[in-house]
Amino acid sequence: MIGRSRDPDDGRRVVFSFTRSGRLLLEEHRNTRADVVAAVLGEQFTEGEVASLVAAAPLLKRLAGGISP
């Protein structure tokens, strides 16, 4: 799932990266999570509430960017 190689610019460093199967597994996990969120939004939120969340999304993204290291 994870590959390891030497940094071409600094041989003392090791670079880790996902293998093809690791990337596919990560993508599958993300898709599953998105499907769950979509199902909850469709089943438990009104159209107006979903519209409010869509409108708030850029603000939440900006907030998250301000608190991330």
PDB file of N, CA and C in Angstrom:
ATOM      1  N   MET A   1       0.809  -1.189   0.000  1.00  0.00           N
ATOM      2  CA  MET A   1       0.000   0.000   0.000  1.00  0.00           C
ATOM      3  C   MET A   1       0.863   1.269   0.000  1.00  0.00           C
ATOM      4  N   ILE A   2       2.031   1.183   0.608  1.00  0.00           N
ATOM      5  CA  ILE A   2       2.936   2.329   0.706  1.00  0.00           C
ATOM      6  C   ILE A   2       4.275   1.936   0.091  1.00  0.00           C
ATOM      7  N   GLY A   3       4.797   2.834  -0.768  1.00  0.00           N
ATOM      8  CA  GLY A   3       6.113   2.621  -1.357  1.00  0.00           C
ATOM      9  C   GLY A   3       7.137   3.508  -0.682  1.00  0.00           C
ATOM     10  N   ARG A   4       8.388   3.134  -0.798  1.00  0.00           N
ATOM     11  CA  ARG A   4       9.461   3.888  -0.167  1.00  0.00           C
ATOM     12  C   ARG A   4      10.606   4.015  -1.166  1.00  0.00           C
ATOM     13  N   SER A   5      11.164   5.229  -1.267  1.00  0.00           N
ATOM     14  CA  SER A   5      12.308   5.436  -2.152  1.00  0.00           C
ATOM     15  C   SER A   5      13.190   6.525  -1.570  1.00  0.00           C
ATOM     16  N   ARG A   6      14.388   6.637  -2.107  1.00  0.00           N
ATOM     17  CA  ARG A   6      15.311   7.675  -1.671  1.00  0.00           C
ATOM     18  C   ARG A   6      14.967   8.983  -2.356  1.00  0.00           C
ATOM     19  N   ASP A   7      15.148  10.072  -1.635  1.00  0.00           N
ATOM     20  CA  ASP A   7      14.966  11.409  -2.202  1.00  0.00           C
ATOM     21  C   ASP A   7      16.080  11.637  -3.225  1.00  0.00           C
ATOM     22  N   PRO A   8      15.732  11.975  -4.477  1.00  0.00           N
ATOM     23  CA  PRO A   8      16.770  12.159  -5.494  1.00  0.00           C
ATOM     24  C   PRO A   8      17.686  13.353  -5.204  1.00  0.00           C
ATOM     25  N   ASP A   9      17.212  14.319  -4.419  1.00  0.00           N
ATOM     26  CA  ASP A   9      18.022  15.493  -4.098  1.00  0.00           C
ATOM     27  C   ASP A   9      18.842  15.328  -2.833  1.00  0.00           C
ATOM     28  N   ASP A  10      18.432  14.413  -1.976  1.00  0.00           N
ATOM     29  CA  ASP A  10      19.128  14.184  -0.715  1.00  0.00           C
ATOM     30  C   ASP A  10      18.984  12.712  -0.355  1.00  0.00           C
ATOM     31  N   GLY A  11      20.001  11.923  -0.649  1.00  0.00           N
ATOM     32  CA  GLY A  11      19.964  10.479  -0.448  1.00  0.00           C
ATOM     33  C   GLY A  11      19.767  10.047   0.995  1.00  0.00           C
ATOM     34  N   ARG A  12      19.916  10.964   1.940  1.00  0.00           N
ATOM     35  CA  ARG A  12      19.688  10.614   3.346  1.00  0.00           C
ATOM     36  C   ARG A  12      18.203  10.543   3.664  1.00  0.00           C
ATOM     37  N   ARG A  13      17.404  11.173   2.849  1.00  0.00           N
ATOM     38  CA  ARG A  13      15.960  11.207   3.082  1.00  0.00           C
ATOM     39  C   ARG A  13      15.264  10.035   2.402  1.00  0.00           C
ATOM     40  N   VAL A  14      14.149   9.648   2.999  1.00  0.00           N
ATOM     41  CA  VAL A  14      13.314   8.599   2.426  1.00  0.00           C
ATOM     42  C   VAL A  14      11.975   9.235   2.072  1.00  0.00           C
ATOM     43  N   VAL A  15      11.471   8.933   0.888  1.00  0.00           N
ATOM     44  CA  VAL A  15      10.194   9.458   0.425  1.00  0.00           C
ATOM     45  C   VAL A  15       9.188   8.317   0.429  1.00  0.00           C
ATOM     46  N   PHE A  16       8.071   8.535   1.114  1.00  0.00           N
ATOM     47  CA  PHE A  16       6.998   7.551   1.149  1.00  0.00           C
ATOM     48  C   PHE A  16       5.897   8.013   0.204  1.00  0.00           C
ATOM     49  N   SER A  17       5.285   7.061  -0.482  1.00  0.00           N
ATOM     50  CA  SER A  17       4.184   7.379  -1.387  1.00  0.00           C
ATOM     51  C   SER A  17       3.249   6.176  -1.456  1.00  0.00           C
ATOM     52  N   PHE A  18       2.008   6.459  -1.872  1.00  0.00           N
ATOM     53  CA  PHE A  18       1.050   5.375  -2.028  1.00  0.00           C
ATOM     54  C   PHE A  18       1.382   4.571  -3.283  1.00  0.00           C
ATOM     55  N   THR A  19       1.209   3.272  -3.188  1.00  0.00           N
ATOM     56  CA  THR A  19       1.277   2.430  -4.377  1.00  0.00           C
ATOM     57  C   THR A  19      -0.055   2.578  -5.110  1.00  0.00           C
ATOM     58  N   ARG A  20      -0.148   1.977  -6.275  1.00  0.00           N
ATOM     59  CA  ARG A  20      -1.406   2.051  -7.023  1.00  0.00           C
ATOM     60  C   ARG A  20      -2.554   1.486  -6.208  1.00  0.00           C
ATOM     61  N   SER A  21      -2.347   0.343  -5.566  1.00  0.00           N
ATOM     62  CA  SER A  21      -3.418  -0.258  -4.759  1.00  0.00           C
ATOM     63  C   SER A  21      -3.733   0.604  -3.541  1.00  0.00           C
ATOM     64  N   GLY A  22      -2.742   1.263  -2.983  1.00  0.00           N
ATOM     65  CA  GLY A  22      -2.981   2.161  -1.862  1.00  0.00           C
ATOM     66  C   GLY A  22      -3.810   3.362  -2.270  1.00  0.00           C
ATOM     67  N   ARG A  23      -3.517   3.931  -3.448  1.00  0.00           N
ATOM     68  CA  ARG A  23      -4.303   5.068  -3.952  1.00  0.00           C
ATOM     69  C   ARG A  23      -5.745   4.652  -4.222  1.00  0.00           C
ATOM     70  N   LEU A  24      -5.920   3.463  -4.794  1.00  0.00           N
ATOM     71  CA  LEU A  24      -7.276   2.973  -5.075  1.00  0.00           C
ATOM     72  C   LEU A  24      -8.073   2.769  -3.793  1.00  0.00           C
ATOM     73  N   LEU A  25      -7.437   2.217  -2.771  1.00  0.00           N
ATOM     74  CA  LEU A  25      -8.107   2.009  -1.490  1.00  0.00           C
ATOM     75  C   LEU A  25      -8.487   3.340  -0.856  1.00  0.00           C
ATOM     76  N   LEU A  26      -7.597   4.311  -0.893  1.00  0.00           N
ATOM     77  CA  LEU A  26      -7.892   5.635  -0.352  1.00  0.00           C
ATOM     78  C   LEU A  26      -9.050   6.282  -1.100  1.00  0.00           C
ATOM     79  N   GLU A  27      -9.035   6.177  -2.420  1.00  0.00           N
ATOM     80  CA  GLU A  27     -10.113   6.746  -3.233  1.00  0.00           C
ATOM     81  C   GLU A  27     -11.450   6.072  -2.917  1.00  0.00           C
ATOM     82  N   GLU A  28     -11.427   4.771  -2.765  1.00  0.00           N
ATOM     83  CA  GLU A  28     -12.649   4.032  -2.437  1.00  0.00           C
ATOM     84  C   GLU A  28     -13.199   4.484  -1.085  1.00  0.00           C
ATOM     85  N   HIS A  29     -12.301   4.666  -0.113  1.00  0.00           N
ATOM     86  CA  HIS A  29     -12.716   5.115   1.217  1.00  0.00           C
ATOM     87  C   HIS A  29     -13.335   6.508   1.138  1.00  0.00           C
ATOM     88  N   ARG A  30     -12.714   7.409   0.387  1.00  0.00           N
ATOM     89  CA  ARG A  30     -13.252   8.761   0.240  1.00  0.00           C
ATOM     90  C   ARG A  30     -14.616   8.740  -0.434  1.00  0.00           C
ATOM     91  N   ASN A  31     -14.777   7.908  -1.465  1.00  0.00           N
ATOM     92  CA  ASN A  31     -16.055   7.813  -2.163  1.00  0.00           C
ATOM     93  C   ASN A  31     -17.147   7.279  -1.238  1.00  0.00           C
ATOM     94  N   THR A  32     -16.809   6.297  -0.425  1.00  0.00           N
ATOM     95  CA  THR A  32     -17.767   5.726   0.508  1.00  0.00           C
ATOM     96  C   THR A  32     -18.221   6.785   1.511  1.00  0.00           C
ATOM     97  N   ARG A  33     -17.261   7.552   2.023  1.00  0.00           N
ATOM     98  CA  ARG A  33     -17.586   8.611   2.987  1.00  0.00           C
ATOM     99  C   ARG A  33     -18.484   9.665   2.344  1.00  0.00           C
ATOM    100  N   ALA A  34     -18.185  10.047   1.098  1.00  0.00           N
ATOM    101  CA  ALA A  34     -19.012  11.030   0.387  1.00  0.00           C
ATOM    102  C   ALA A  34     -20.421  10.499   0.165  1.00  0.00           C
ATOM    103  N   ASP A  35     -20.545   9.207  -0.137  1.00  0.00           N
ATOM    104  CA  ASP A  35     -21.866   8.599  -0.323  1.00  0.00           C
ATOM    105  C   ASP A  35     -22.680   8.640   0.967  1.00  0.00           C
ATOM    106  N   VAL A  36     -22.029   8.403   2.095  1.00  0.00           N
ATOM    107  CA  VAL A  36     -22.720   8.440   3.389  1.00  0.00           C
ATOM    108  C   VAL A  36     -23.205   9.856   3.684  1.00  0.00           C
ATOM    109  N   VAL A  37     -22.349  10.842   3.456  1.00  0.00           N
ATOM    110  CA  VAL A  37     -22.739  12.234   3.685  1.00  0.00           C
ATOM    111  C   VAL A  37     -23.911  12.603   2.783  1.00  0.00           C
ATOM    112  N   ALA A  38     -23.850  12.233   1.523  1.00  0.00           N
ATOM    113  CA  ALA A  38     -24.933  12.545   0.589  1.00  0.00           C
ATOM    114  C   ALA A  38     -26.249  11.891   1.029  1.00  0.00           C
ATOM    115  N   ALA A  39     -26.167  10.663   1.509  1.00  0.00           N
ATOM    116  CA  ALA A  39     -27.377   9.974   1.961  1.00  0.00           C
ATOM    117  C   ALA A  39     -27.998  10.679   3.166  1.00  0.00           C
ATOM    118  N   VAL A  40     -27.174  11.079   4.117  1.00  0.00           N
ATOM    119  CA  VAL A  40     -27.693  11.765   5.300  1.00  0.00           C
ATOM    120  C   VAL A  40     -28.305  13.108   4.901  1.00  0.00           C
ATOM    121  N   LEU A  41     -27.628  13.847   4.031  1.00  0.00           N
ATOM    122  CA  LEU A  41     -28.178  15.123   3.578  1.00  0.00           C
ATOM    123  C   LEU A  41     -29.522  14.930   2.889  1.00  0.00           C
ATOM    124  N   GLY A  42     -29.638  13.898   2.066  1.00  0.00           N
ATOM    125  CA  GLY A  42     -30.876  13.642   1.345  1.00  0.00           C
ATOM    126  C   GLY A  42     -32.016  13.158   2.221  1.00  0.00           C
ATOM    127  N   GLU A  43     -31.671  12.436   3.280  1.00  0.00           N
ATOM    128  CA  GLU A  43     -32.700  11.823   4.121  1.00  0.00           C
ATOM    129  C   GLU A  43     -33.095  12.678   5.328  1.00  0.00           C
ATOM    130  N   GLN A  44     -32.174  13.468   5.849  1.00  0.00           N
ATOM    131  CA  GLN A  44     -32.424  14.123   7.128  1.00  0.00           C
ATOM    132  C   GLN A  44     -32.431  15.646   7.071  1.00  0.00           C
ATOM    133  N   PHE A  45     -32.152  16.226   5.903  1.00  0.00           N
ATOM    134  CA  PHE A  45     -32.100  17.680   5.780  1.00  0.00           C
ATOM    135  C   PHE A  45     -33.089  18.151   4.721  1.00  0.00           C
ATOM    136  N   THR A  46     -33.696  19.289   4.977  1.00  0.00           N
ATOM    137  CA  THR A  46     -34.599  19.869   3.985  1.00  0.00           C
ATOM    138  C   THR A  46     -33.774  20.521   2.882  1.00  0.00           C
ATOM    139  N   GLU A  47     -34.432  20.848   1.771  1.00  0.00           N
ATOM    140  CA  GLU A  47     -33.732  21.533   0.685  1.00  0.00           C
ATOM    141  C   GLU A  47     -33.160  22.861   1.163  1.00  0.00           C
ATOM    142  N   GLY A  48     -33.914  23.573   2.004  1.00  0.00           N
ATOM    143  CA  GLY A  48     -33.442  24.841   2.545  1.00  0.00           C
ATOM    144  C   GLY A  48     -32.209  24.680   3.418  1.00  0.00           C
ATOM    145  N   GLU A  49     -32.185  23.627   4.211  1.00  0.00           N
ATOM    146  CA  GLU A  49     -31.018  23.368   5.060  1.00  0.00           C
ATOM    147  C   GLU A  49     -29.794  23.015   4.222  1.00  0.00           C
ATOM    148  N   VAL A  50     -30.002  22.227   3.183  1.00  0.00           N
ATOM    149  CA  VAL A  50     -28.889  21.885   2.292  1.00  0.00           C
ATOM    150  C   VAL A  50     -28.369  23.154   1.610  1.00  0.00           C
ATOM    151  N   ALA A  51     -29.278  24.020   1.179  1.00  0.00           N
ATOM    152  CA  ALA A  51     -28.861  25.275   0.557  1.00  0.00           C
ATOM    153  C   ALA A  51     -28.059  26.127   1.531  1.00  0.00           C
ATOM    154  N   SER A  52     -28.446  26.131   2.796  1.00  0.00           N
ATOM    155  CA  SER A  52     -27.696  26.877   3.810  1.00  0.00           C
ATOM    156  C   SER A  52     -26.293  26.310   3.990  1.00  0.00           C
ATOM    157  N   LEU A  53     -26.189  24.980   3.988  1.00  0.00           N
ATOM    158  CA  LEU A  53     -24.874  24.353   4.103  1.00  0.00           C
ATOM    159  C   LEU A  53     -23.997  24.669   2.893  1.00  0.00           C
ATOM    160  N   VAL A  54     -24.585  24.636   1.718  1.00  0.00           N
ATOM    161  CA  VAL A  54     -23.836  24.971   0.494  1.00  0.00           C
ATOM    162  C   VAL A  54     -23.343  26.411   0.560  1.00  0.00           C
ATOM    163  N   ALA A  55     -24.199  27.316   1.025  1.00  0.00           N
ATOM    164  CA  ALA A  55     -23.819  28.717   1.129  1.00  0.00           C
ATOM    165  C   ALA A  55     -22.713  28.917   2.171  1.00  0.00           C
ATOM    166  N   ALA A  56     -22.734  28.124   3.235  1.00  0.00           N
ATOM    167  CA  ALA A  56     -21.746  28.265   4.308  1.00  0.00           C
ATOM    168  C   ALA A  56     -20.420  27.573   3.995  1.00  0.00           C
ATOM    169  N   ALA A  57     -20.396  26.686   3.016  1.00  0.00           N
ATOM    170  CA  ALA A  57     -19.198  25.893   2.733  1.00  0.00           C
ATOM    171  C   ALA A  57     -17.947  26.742   2.511  1.00  0.00           C
ATOM    172  N   PRO A  58     -17.980  27.817   1.705  1.00  0.00           N
ATOM    173  CA  PRO A  58     -16.763  28.620   1.532  1.00  0.00           C
ATOM    174  C   PRO A  58     -16.270  29.249   2.843  1.00  0.00           C
ATOM    175  N   LEU A  59     -17.201  29.632   3.702  1.00  0.00           N
ATOM    176  CA  LEU A  59     -16.805  30.202   4.993  1.00  0.00           C
ATOM    177  C   LEU A  59     -16.165  29.149   5.889  1.00  0.00           C
ATOM    178  N   LEU A  60     -16.731  27.955   5.876  1.00  0.00           N
ATOM    179  CA  LEU A  60     -16.159  26.867   6.680  1.00  0.00           C
ATOM    180  C   LEU A  60     -14.778  26.486   6.161  1.00  0.00           C
ATOM    181  N   LYS A  61     -14.611  26.487   4.850  1.00  0.00           N
ATOM    182  CA  LYS A  61     -13.299  26.172   4.274  1.00  0.00           C
ATOM    183  C   LYS A  61     -12.277  27.229   4.704  1.00  0.00           C
ATOM    184  N   ARG A  62     -12.676  28.494   4.674  1.00  0.00           N
ATOM    185  CA  ARG A  62     -11.783  29.575   5.084  1.00  0.00           C
ATOM    186  C   ARG A  62     -11.448  29.442   6.569  1.00  0.00           C
ATOM    187  N   LEU A  63     -12.443  29.089   7.386  1.00  0.00           N
ATOM    188  CA  LEU A  63     -12.213  28.878   8.810  1.00  0.00           C
ATOM    189  C   LEU A  63     -11.204  27.746   9.035  1.00  0.00           C
ATOM    190  N   ALA A  64     -11.413  26.632   8.341  1.00  0.00           N
ATOM    191  CA  ALA A  64     -10.502  25.484   8.490  1.00  0.00           C
ATOM    192  C   ALA A  64      -9.085  25.855   8.071  1.00  0.00           C
ATOM    193  N   GLY A  65      -8.970  26.654   7.004  1.00  0.00           N
ATOM    194  CA  GLY A  65      -7.643  27.085   6.557  1.00  0.00           C
ATOM    195  C   GLY A  65      -6.954  27.980   7.559  1.00  0.00           C
ATOM    196  N   GLY A  66      -7.738  28.722   8.325  1.00  0.00           N
ATOM    197  CA  GLY A  66      -7.168  29.600   9.323  1.00  0.00           C
ATOM    198  C   GLY A  66      -6.710  28.915  10.583  1.00  0.00           C
ATOM    199  N   ILE A  67      -7.198  27.694  10.846  1.00  0.00           N
ATOM    200  CA  ILE A  67      -6.833  26.996  12.067  1.00  0.00           C
ATOM    201  C   ILE A  67      -5.919  25.801  11.809  1.00  0.00           C
ATOM    202  N   SER A  68      -5.686  25.479  10.543  1.00  0.00           N
ATOM    203  CA  SER A  68      -4.791  24.356  10.226  1.00  0.00           C
ATOM    204  C   SER A  68      -3.345  24.797  10.341  1.00  0.00           C
ATOM    205  N   PRO A  69      -2.490  23.890  10.788  1.00  0.00           N
ATOM    206  CA  PRO A  69      -1.062  24.233  10.912  1.00  0.00           C
ATOM    207  C   PRO A  69      -0.406  24.447   9.564  1.00  0.00           C
TER     208      PRO A  69
END
